[in-house]
PDB file of N, CA and C in Angstrom:
ATOM      1  N   MET A   1      27.490  42.568 -15.536  1.00  0.00           N
ATOM      2  CA  MET A   1      28.277  41.446 -15.966  1.00  0.00           C
ATOM      3  C   MET A   1      28.295  41.436 -17.493  1.00  0.00           C
ATOM      4  N   THR A   2      29.429  41.103 -18.015  1.00  0.00           N
ATOM      5  CA  THR A   2      29.577  41.116 -19.469  1.00  0.00           C
ATOM      6  C   THR A   2      28.960  39.867 -20.087  1.00  0.00           C
ATOM      7  N   ARG A   3      28.800  39.967 -21.370  1.00  0.00           N
ATOM      8  CA  ARG A   3      28.221  38.846 -22.103  1.00  0.00           C
ATOM      9  C   ARG A   3      29.112  37.605 -22.005  1.00  0.00           C
ATOM     10  N   THR A   4      30.424  37.818 -22.030  1.00  0.00           N
ATOM     11  CA  THR A   4      31.375  36.716 -21.931  1.00  0.00           C
ATOM     12  C   THR A   4      31.270  36.060 -20.556  1.00  0.00           C
ATOM     13  N   GLY A   5      31.092  36.865 -19.517  1.00  0.00           N
ATOM     14  CA  GLY A   5      30.944  36.329 -18.160  1.00  0.00           C
ATOM     15  C   GLY A   5      29.684  35.501 -18.026  1.00  0.00           C
ATOM     16  N   LYS A   6      28.602  35.976 -18.603  1.00  0.00           N
ATOM     17  CA  LYS A   6      27.342  35.223 -18.561  1.00  0.00           C
ATOM     18  C   LYS A   6      27.484  33.903 -19.299  1.00  0.00           C
ATOM     19  N   LEU A   7      28.161  33.937 -20.453  1.00  0.00           N
ATOM     20  CA  LEU A   7      28.370  32.724 -21.226  1.00  0.00           C
ATOM     21  C   LEU A   7      29.234  31.734 -20.445  1.00  0.00           C
ATOM     22  N   ALA A   8      30.243  32.248 -19.744  1.00  0.00           N
ATOM     23  CA  ALA A   8      31.116  31.384 -18.950  1.00  0.00           C
ATOM     24  C   ALA A   8      30.321  30.710 -17.827  1.00  0.00           C
ATOM     25  N   PHE A   9      29.467  31.477 -17.162  1.00  0.00           N
ATOM     26  CA  PHE A   9      28.628  30.893 -16.100  1.00  0.00           C
ATOM     27  C   PHE A   9      27.676  29.839 -16.668  1.00  0.00           C
ATOM     28  N   PHE A  10      27.112  30.108 -17.840  1.00  0.00           N
ATOM     29  CA  PHE A  10      26.222  29.145 -18.478  1.00  0.00           C
ATOM     30  C   PHE A  10      26.965  27.852 -18.801  1.00  0.00           C
ATOM     31  N   LEU A  11      28.123  27.964 -19.382  1.00  0.00           N
ATOM     32  CA  LEU A  11      28.913  26.782 -19.746  1.00  0.00           C
ATOM     33  C   LEU A  11      29.346  26.010 -18.499  1.00  0.00           C
ATOM     34  N   ALA A  12      29.738  26.725 -17.449  1.00  0.00           N
ATOM     35  CA  ALA A  12      30.136  26.064 -16.202  1.00  0.00           C
ATOM     36  C   ALA A  12      28.940  25.333 -15.596  1.00  0.00           C
ATOM     37  N   GLY A  13      27.790  25.950 -15.613  1.00  0.00           N
ATOM     38  CA  GLY A  13      26.580  25.315 -15.085  1.00  0.00           C
ATOM     39  C   GLY A  13      26.205  24.075 -15.873  1.00  0.00           C
ATOM     40  N   THR A  14      26.334  24.154 -17.189  1.00  0.00           N
ATOM     41  CA  THR A  14      26.048  23.004 -18.040  1.00  0.00           C
ATOM     42  C   THR A  14      27.019  21.868 -17.757  1.00  0.00           C
ATOM     43  N   LEU A  15      28.289  22.199 -17.601  1.00  0.00           N
ATOM     44  CA  LEU A  15      29.300  21.192 -17.310  1.00  0.00           C
ATOM     45  C   LEU A  15      29.030  20.522 -15.966  1.00  0.00           C
ATOM     46  N   PHE A  16      28.773  21.330 -14.934  1.00  0.00           N
ATOM     47  CA  PHE A  16      28.482  20.759 -13.613  1.00  0.00           C
ATOM     48  C   PHE A  16      27.184  19.965 -13.629  1.00  0.00           C
ATOM     49  N   GLY A  17      26.213  20.417 -14.409  1.00  0.00           N
ATOM     50  CA  GLY A  17      24.957  19.692 -14.516  1.00  0.00           C
ATOM     51  C   GLY A  17      25.148  18.328 -15.152  1.00  0.00           C
ATOM     52  N   SER A  18      25.949  18.282 -16.207  1.00  0.00           N
ATOM     53  CA  SER A  18      26.232  16.997 -16.866  1.00  0.00           C
ATOM     54  C   SER A  18      26.974  16.065 -15.934  1.00  0.00           C
ATOM     55  N   ALA A  19      27.941  16.595 -15.215  1.00  0.00           N
ATOM     56  CA  ALA A  19      28.686  15.777 -14.250  1.00  0.00           C
ATOM     57  C   ALA A  19      27.751  15.311 -13.143  1.00  0.00           C
ATOM     58  N   GLY A  20      26.836  16.165 -12.741  1.00  0.00           N
ATOM     59  CA  GLY A  20      25.878  15.811 -11.696  1.00  0.00           C
ATOM     60  C   GLY A  20      25.001  14.647 -12.101  1.00  0.00           C
ATOM     61  N   PHE A  21      24.545  14.641 -13.359  1.00  0.00           N
ATOM     62  CA  PHE A  21      23.729  13.527 -13.848  1.00  0.00           C
ATOM     63  C   PHE A  21      24.518  12.221 -13.850  1.00  0.00           C
ATOM     64  N   LYS A  22      25.784  12.308 -14.227  1.00  0.00           N
ATOM     65  CA  LYS A  22      26.613  11.093 -14.224  1.00  0.00           C
ATOM     66  C   LYS A  22      26.820  10.597 -12.802  1.00  0.00           C
ATOM     67  N   ILE A  23      27.019  11.505 -11.863  1.00  0.00           N
ATOM     68  CA  ILE A  23      27.211  11.119 -10.461  1.00  0.00           C
ATOM     69  C   ILE A  23      25.928  10.510  -9.909  1.00  0.00           C
ATOM     70  N   LEU A  24      24.791  11.148 -10.198  1.00  0.00           N
ATOM     71  CA  LEU A  24      23.510  10.647  -9.693  1.00  0.00           C
ATOM     72  C   LEU A  24      23.132   9.304 -10.299  1.00  0.00           C
ATOM     73  N   GLY A  25      23.655   8.996 -11.476  1.00  0.00           N
ATOM     74  CA  GLY A  25      23.330   7.743 -12.136  1.00  0.00           C
ATOM     75  C   GLY A  25      24.369   6.654 -11.916  1.00  0.00           C
ATOM     76  N   SER A  26      25.374   6.919 -11.101  1.00  0.00           N
ATOM     77  CA  SER A  26      26.429   5.938 -10.890  1.00  0.00           C
ATOM     78  C   SER A  26      25.948   4.769 -10.034  1.00  0.00           C
ATOM     79  N   LYS A  27      26.746   3.690 -10.043  1.00  0.00           N
ATOM     80  CA  LYS A  27      26.399   2.502  -9.255  1.00  0.00           C
ATOM     81  C   LYS A  27      26.381   2.827  -7.758  1.00  0.00           C
ATOM     82  N   ASP A  28      27.334   3.634  -7.306  1.00  0.00           N
ATOM     83  CA  ASP A  28      27.372   4.000  -5.885  1.00  0.00           C
ATOM     84  C   ASP A  28      26.137   4.792  -5.481  1.00  0.00           C
ATOM     85  N   ALA A  29      25.711   5.694  -6.369  1.00  0.00           N
ATOM     86  CA  ALA A  29      24.515   6.491  -6.069  1.00  0.00           C
ATOM     87  C   ALA A  29      23.283   5.589  -6.019  1.00  0.00           C
ATOM     88  N   ARG A  30      23.193   4.639  -6.941  1.00  0.00           N
ATOM     89  CA  ARG A  30      22.054   3.704  -6.937  1.00  0.00           C
ATOM     90  C   ARG A  30      22.032   2.883  -5.660  1.00  0.00           C
ATOM     91  N   LYS A  31      23.228   2.528  -5.177  1.00  0.00           N
ATOM     92  CA  LYS A  31      23.321   1.763  -3.930  1.00  0.00           C
ATOM     93  C   LYS A  31      22.781   2.602  -2.767  1.00  0.00           C
ATOM     94  N   VAL A  32      23.148   3.877  -2.755  1.00  0.00           N
ATOM     95  CA  VAL A  32      22.644   4.774  -1.711  1.00  0.00           C
ATOM     96  C   VAL A  32      21.130   4.910  -1.817  1.00  0.00           C
ATOM     97  N   TYR A  33      20.606   5.105  -3.033  1.00  0.00           N
ATOM     98  CA  TYR A  33      19.158   5.224  -3.227  1.00  0.00           C
ATOM     99  C   TYR A  33      18.443   3.972  -2.729  1.00  0.00           C
ATOM    100  N   THR A  34      19.036   2.806  -3.008  1.00  0.00           N
ATOM    101  CA  THR A  34      18.432   1.548  -2.585  1.00  0.00           C
ATOM    102  C   THR A  34      18.372   1.453  -1.069  1.00  0.00           C
ATOM    103  N   HIS A  35      19.466   1.811  -0.409  1.00  0.00           N
ATOM    104  CA  HIS A  35      19.490   1.745   1.055  1.00  0.00           C
ATOM    105  C   HIS A  35      18.527   2.754   1.686  1.00  0.00           C
ATOM    106  N   VAL A  36      18.459   3.935   1.123  1.00  0.00           N
ATOM    107  CA  VAL A  36      17.537   4.953   1.650  1.00  0.00           C
ATOM    108  C   VAL A  36      16.088   4.504   1.449  1.00  0.00           C
ATOM    109  N   THR A  37      15.790   3.957   0.277  1.00  0.00           N
ATOM    110  CA  THR A  37      14.429   3.480   0.012  1.00  0.00           C
ATOM    111  C   THR A  37      14.063   2.336   0.946  1.00  0.00           C
ATOM    112  N   ALA A  38      14.993   1.427   1.186  1.00  0.00           N
ATOM    113  CA  ALA A  38      14.735   0.317   2.106  1.00  0.00           C
ATOM    114  C   ALA A  38      14.469   0.833   3.515  1.00  0.00           C
ATOM    115  N   ALA A  39      15.227   1.839   3.945  1.00  0.00           N
ATOM    116  CA  ALA A  39      15.018   2.412   5.276  1.00  0.00           C
ATOM    117  C   ALA A  39      13.648   3.075   5.374  1.00  0.00           C
ATOM    118  N   VAL A  40      13.247   3.766   4.324  1.00  0.00           N
ATOM    119  CA  VAL A  40      11.927   4.417   4.318  1.00  0.00           C
ATOM    120  C   VAL A  40      10.824   3.363   4.391  1.00  0.00           C
ATOM    121  N   LEU A  41      10.976   2.273   3.657  1.00  0.00           N
ATOM    122  CA  LEU A  41       9.968   1.206   3.691  1.00  0.00           C
ATOM    123  C   LEU A  41       9.888   0.568   5.074  1.00  0.00           C
ATOM    124  N   ARG A  42      11.039   0.366   5.725  1.00  0.00           N
ATOM    125  CA  ARG A  42      11.023  -0.184   7.086  1.00  0.00           C
ATOM    126  C   ARG A  42      10.331   0.793   8.035  1.00  0.00           C
ATOM    127  N   GLY A  43      10.616   2.067   7.873  1.00  0.00           N
ATOM    128  CA  GLY A  43       9.963   3.070   8.709  1.00  0.00           C
ATOM    129  C   GLY A  43       8.465   3.092   8.496  1.00  0.00           C
ATOM    130  N   ARG A  44       8.048   2.975   7.242  1.00  0.00           N
ATOM    131  CA  ARG A  44       6.614   2.952   6.931  1.00  0.00           C
ATOM    132  C   ARG A  44       5.940   1.753   7.581  1.00  0.00           C
ATOM    133  N   ASP A  45       6.596   0.604   7.520  1.00  0.00           N
ATOM    134  CA  ASP A  45       6.023  -0.598   8.130  1.00  0.00           C
ATOM    135  C   ASP A  45       5.854  -0.422   9.630  1.00  0.00           C
ATOM    136  N   GLN A  46       6.829   0.196  10.285  1.00  0.00           N
ATOM    137  CA  GLN A  46       6.736   0.418  11.727  1.00  0.00           C
ATOM    138  C   GLN A  46       5.604   1.390  12.054  1.00  0.00           C
ATOM    139  N   VAL A  47       5.481   2.427  11.265  1.00  0.00           N
ATOM    140  CA  VAL A  47       4.403   3.399  11.481  1.00  0.00           C
ATOM    141  C   VAL A  47       3.046   2.716  11.324  1.00  0.00           C
ATOM    142  N   MET A  48       2.912   1.856  10.327  1.00  0.00           N
ATOM    143  CA  MET A  48       1.639   1.166  10.121  1.00  0.00           C
ATOM    144  C   MET A  48       1.328   0.231  11.292  1.00  0.00           C
ATOM    145  N   ARG A  49       2.355  -0.435  11.847  1.00  0.00           N
ATOM    146  CA  ARG A  49       2.118  -1.281  13.032  1.00  0.00           C
ATOM    147  C   ARG A  49       1.660  -0.422  14.215  1.00  0.00           C
ATOM    148  N   ASP A  50       2.286   0.739  14.375  1.00  0.00           N
ATOM    149  CA  ASP A  50       1.895   1.638  15.469  1.00  0.00           C
ATOM    150  C   ASP A  50       0.466   2.136  15.285  1.00  0.00           C
ATOM    151  N   VAL A  51       0.099   2.458  14.058  1.00  0.00           N
ATOM    152  CA  VAL A  51      -1.263   2.925  13.772  1.00  0.00           C
ATOM    153  C   VAL A  51      -2.275   1.833  14.100  1.00  0.00           C
ATOM    154  N   GLU A  52      -1.968   0.597  13.722  1.00  0.00           N
ATOM    155  CA  GLU A  52      -2.878  -0.513  14.024  1.00  0.00           C
ATOM    156  C   GLU A  52      -3.048  -0.684  15.529  1.00  0.00           C
ATOM    157  N   THR A  53      -1.961  -0.549  16.283  1.00  0.00           N
ATOM    158  CA  THR A  53      -2.033  -0.664  17.744  1.00  0.00           C
ATOM    159  C   THR A  53      -2.915   0.430  18.322  1.00  0.00           C
ATOM    160  N   VAL A  54      -2.743   1.644  17.856  1.00  0.00           N
ATOM    161  CA  VAL A  54      -3.569   2.758  18.346  1.00  0.00           C
ATOM    162  C   VAL A  54      -5.034   2.521  17.998  1.00  0.00           C
ATOM    163  N   GLN A  55      -5.306   2.048  16.787  1.00  0.00           N
ATOM    164  CA  GLN A  55      -6.691   1.777  16.383  1.00  0.00           C
ATOM    165  C   GLN A  55      -7.321   0.697  17.263  1.00  0.00           C
ATOM    166  N   GLU A  56      -6.553  -0.346  17.563  1.00  0.00           N
ATOM    167  CA  GLU A  56      -7.071  -1.399  18.436  1.00  0.00           C
ATOM    168  C   GLU A  56      -7.367  -0.849  19.827  1.00  0.00           C
ATOM    169  N   ASN A  57      -6.469  -0.026  20.346  1.00  0.00           N
ATOM    170  CA  ASN A  57      -6.685   0.566  21.665  1.00  0.00           C
ATOM    171  C   ASN A  57      -7.907   1.477  21.663  1.00  0.00           C
ATOM    172  N   CYS A  58      -8.078   2.228  20.598  1.00  0.00           N
ATOM    173  CA  CYS A  58      -9.247   3.115  20.504  1.00  0.00           C
ATOM    174  C   CYS A  58     -10.536   2.299  20.455  1.00  0.00           C
ATOM    175  N   SER A  59     -10.515   1.190  19.754  1.00  0.00           N
ATOM    176  CA  SER A  59     -11.703   0.330  19.694  1.00  0.00           C
ATOM    177  C   SER A  59     -12.038  -0.212  21.079  1.00  0.00           C
ATOM    178  N   ASP A  60     -11.012  -0.630  21.823  1.00  0.00           N
ATOM    179  CA  ASP A  60     -11.231  -1.133  23.180  1.00  0.00           C
ATOM    180  C   ASP A  60     -11.790  -0.036  24.081  1.00  0.00           C
ATOM    181  N   ILE A  61     -11.238   1.156  23.968  1.00  0.00           N
ATOM    182  CA  ILE A  61     -11.709   2.280  24.792  1.00  0.00           C
ATOM    183  C   ILE A  61     -13.154   2.612  24.452  1.00  0.00           C
ATOM    184  N   LEU A  62     -13.486   2.622  23.164  1.00  0.00           N
ATOM    185  CA  LEU A  62     -14.859   2.922  22.742  1.00  0.00           C
ATOM    186  C   LEU A  62     -15.832   1.880  23.287  1.00  0.00           C
ATOM    187  N   ALA A  63     -15.457   0.617  23.206  1.00  0.00           N
ATOM    188  CA  ALA A  63     -16.324  -0.452  23.721  1.00  0.00           C
ATOM    189  C   ALA A  63     -16.515  -0.303  25.236  1.00  0.00           C
ATOM    190  N   ASP A  64     -15.435  -0.006  25.954  1.00  0.00           N
ATOM    191  CA  ASP A  64     -15.535   0.196  27.406  1.00  0.00           C
ATOM    192  C   ASP A  64     -16.420   1.394  27.739  1.00  0.00           C
ATOM    193  N   ALA A  65     -16.291   2.463  26.969  1.00  0.00           N
ATOM    194  CA  ALA A  65     -17.097   3.664  27.215  1.00  0.00           C
ATOM    195  C   ALA A  65     -18.580   3.385  26.973  1.00  0.00           C
ATOM    196  N   LYS A  66     -18.894   2.630  25.908  1.00  0.00           N
ATOM    197  CA  LYS A  66     -20.292   2.283  25.633  1.00  0.00           C
ATOM    198  C   LYS A  66     -20.856   1.419  26.753  1.00  0.00           C
ATOM    199  N   ALA A  67     -20.062   0.459  27.233  1.00  0.00           N
ATOM    200  CA  ALA A  67     -20.526  -0.405  28.330  1.00  0.00           C
ATOM    201  C   ALA A  67     -20.740   0.414  29.596  1.00  0.00           C
ATOM    202  N   LEU A  68     -19.861   1.361  29.860  1.00  0.00           N
ATOM    203  CA  LEU A  68     -20.007   2.219  31.039  1.00  0.00           C
ATOM    204  C   LEU A  68     -21.275   3.062  30.928  1.00  0.00           C
ATOM    205  N   ASN A  69     -21.529   3.631  29.760  1.00  0.00           N
ATOM    206  CA  ASN A  69     -22.734   4.434  29.576  1.00  0.00           C
ATOM    207  C   ASN A  69     -23.995   3.593  29.739  1.00  0.00           C
ATOM    208  N   GLU A  70     -23.963   2.369  29.249  1.00  0.00           N
ATOM    209  CA  GLU A  70     -25.119   1.486  29.416  1.00  0.00           C
ATOM    210  C   GLU A  70     -25.347   1.167  30.893  1.00  0.00           C
ATOM    211  N   ALA A  71     -24.278   0.935  31.640  1.00  0.00           N
ATOM    212  CA  ALA A  71     -24.404   0.644  33.071  1.00  0.00           C
ATOM    213  C   ALA A  71     -24.953   1.858  33.817  1.00  0.00           C
ATOM    214  N   ILE A  72     -24.472   3.038  33.468  1.00  0.00           N
ATOM    215  CA  ILE A  72     -24.957   4.258  34.121  1.00  0.00           C
ATOM    216  C   ILE A  72     -26.432   4.482  33.784  1.00  0.00           C
ATOM    217  N   ALA A  73     -26.801   4.264  32.523  1.00  0.00           N
ATOM    218  CA  ALA A  73     -28.202   4.434  32.120  1.00  0.00           C
ATOM    219  C   ALA A  73     -29.091   3.443  32.867  1.00  0.00           C
ATOM    220  N   ALA A  74     -28.633   2.204  33.039  1.00  0.00           N
ATOM    221  CA  ALA A  74     -29.413   1.208  33.773  1.00  0.00           C
ATOM    222  C   ALA A  74     -29.568   1.614  35.234  1.00  0.00           C
ATOM    223  N   GLU A  75     -28.508   2.137  35.844  1.00  0.00           N
ATOM    224  CA  GLU A  75     -28.579   2.615  37.233  1.00  0.00           C
ATOM    225  C   GLU A  75     -29.570   3.761  37.364  1.00  0.00           C
ATOM    226  N   GLN A  76     -29.496   4.696  36.430  1.00  0.00           N
ATOM    227  CA  GLN A  76     -30.387   5.847  36.481  1.00  0.00           C
ATOM    228  C   GLN A  76     -31.840   5.408  36.292  1.00  0.00           C
ATOM    229  N   GLU A  77     -32.069   4.464  35.421  1.00  0.00           N
ATOM    230  CA  GLU A  77     -33.421   3.972  35.194  1.00  0.00           C
ATOM    231  C   GLU A  77     -33.941   3.264  36.447  1.00  0.00           C
ATOM    232  N   ALA A  78     -33.096   2.457  37.073  1.00  0.00           N
ATOM    233  CA  ALA A  78     -33.502   1.758  38.305  1.00  0.00           C
ATOM    234  C   ALA A  78     -33.788   2.765  39.407  1.00  0.00           C
ATOM    235  N   SER A  79     -32.971   3.794  39.511  1.00  0.00           N
ATOM    236  CA  SER A  79     -33.169   4.832  40.507  1.00  0.00           C
ATOM    237  C   SER A  79     -34.469   5.579  40.258  1.00  0.00           C
ATOM    238  N   PHE A  80     -34.771   5.866  38.983  1.00  0.00           N
ATOM    239  CA  PHE A  80     -35.995   6.564  38.626  1.00  0.00           C
ATOM    240  C   PHE A  80     -37.211   5.707  38.991  1.00  0.00           C
ATOM    241  N   ILE A  81     -37.117   4.413  38.721  1.00  0.00           N
ATOM    242  CA  ILE A  81     -38.241   3.508  39.031  1.00  0.00           C
ATOM    243  C   ILE A  81     -38.445   3.438  40.540  1.00  0.00           C
ATOM    244  N   GLU A  82     -37.345   3.377  41.313  1.00  0.00           N
ATOM    245  CA  GLU A  82     -37.472   3.364  42.783  1.00  0.00           C
ATOM    246  C   GLU A  82     -38.103   4.637  43.302  1.00  0.00           C
ATOM    247  N   ASP A  83     -37.674   5.773  42.767  1.00  0.00           N
ATOM    248  CA  ASP A  83     -38.242   7.054  43.187  1.00  0.00           C
ATOM    249  C   ASP A  83     -39.722   7.129  42.836  1.00  0.00           C
ATOM    250  N   ALA A  84     -40.084   6.621  41.675  1.00  0.00           N
ATOM    251  CA  ALA A  84     -41.491   6.649  41.257  1.00  0.00           C
ATOM    252  C   ALA A  84     -42.332   5.714  42.153  1.00  0.00           C
ATOM    253  N   ALA A  85     -41.743   4.599  42.579  1.00  0.00           N
ATOM    254  CA  ALA A  85     -42.470   3.659  43.419  1.00  0.00           C
ATOM    255  C   ALA A  85     -42.697   4.237  44.819  1.00  0.00           C
ATOM    256  N   LYS A  86     -41.766   5.043  45.305  1.00  0.00           N
ATOM    257  CA  LYS A  86     -41.886   5.655  46.640  1.00  0.00           C
ATOM    258  C   LYS A  86     -42.927   6.755  46.648  1.00  0.00           C
ATOM    259  N   ALA A  87     -43.145   7.349  45.516  1.00  0.00           N
ATOM    260  CA  ALA A  87     -44.066   8.483  45.484  1.00  0.00           C
ATOM    261  C   ALA A  87     -45.508   8.091  45.430  1.00  0.00           C
TER     262      ALA A  87
END
């Protein structure tokens, strides 16, 4: 590619870049950014509610599992005491 061709590509890129900045900074673009940001925030809030629900369910499951283990341990201890008494 010739030097003139490279210069033309550079100038075209600079021109499109400048136009791009003006487009990205326009009122319509800001409106789009605002709506996208609002949607992301709503999505984040929903995810956080879902996480809290899962955490609550996990806490309930953990408590139930601990109670079950305690009941099983008590049964095993009672069974051991009965076996020891028979012997």
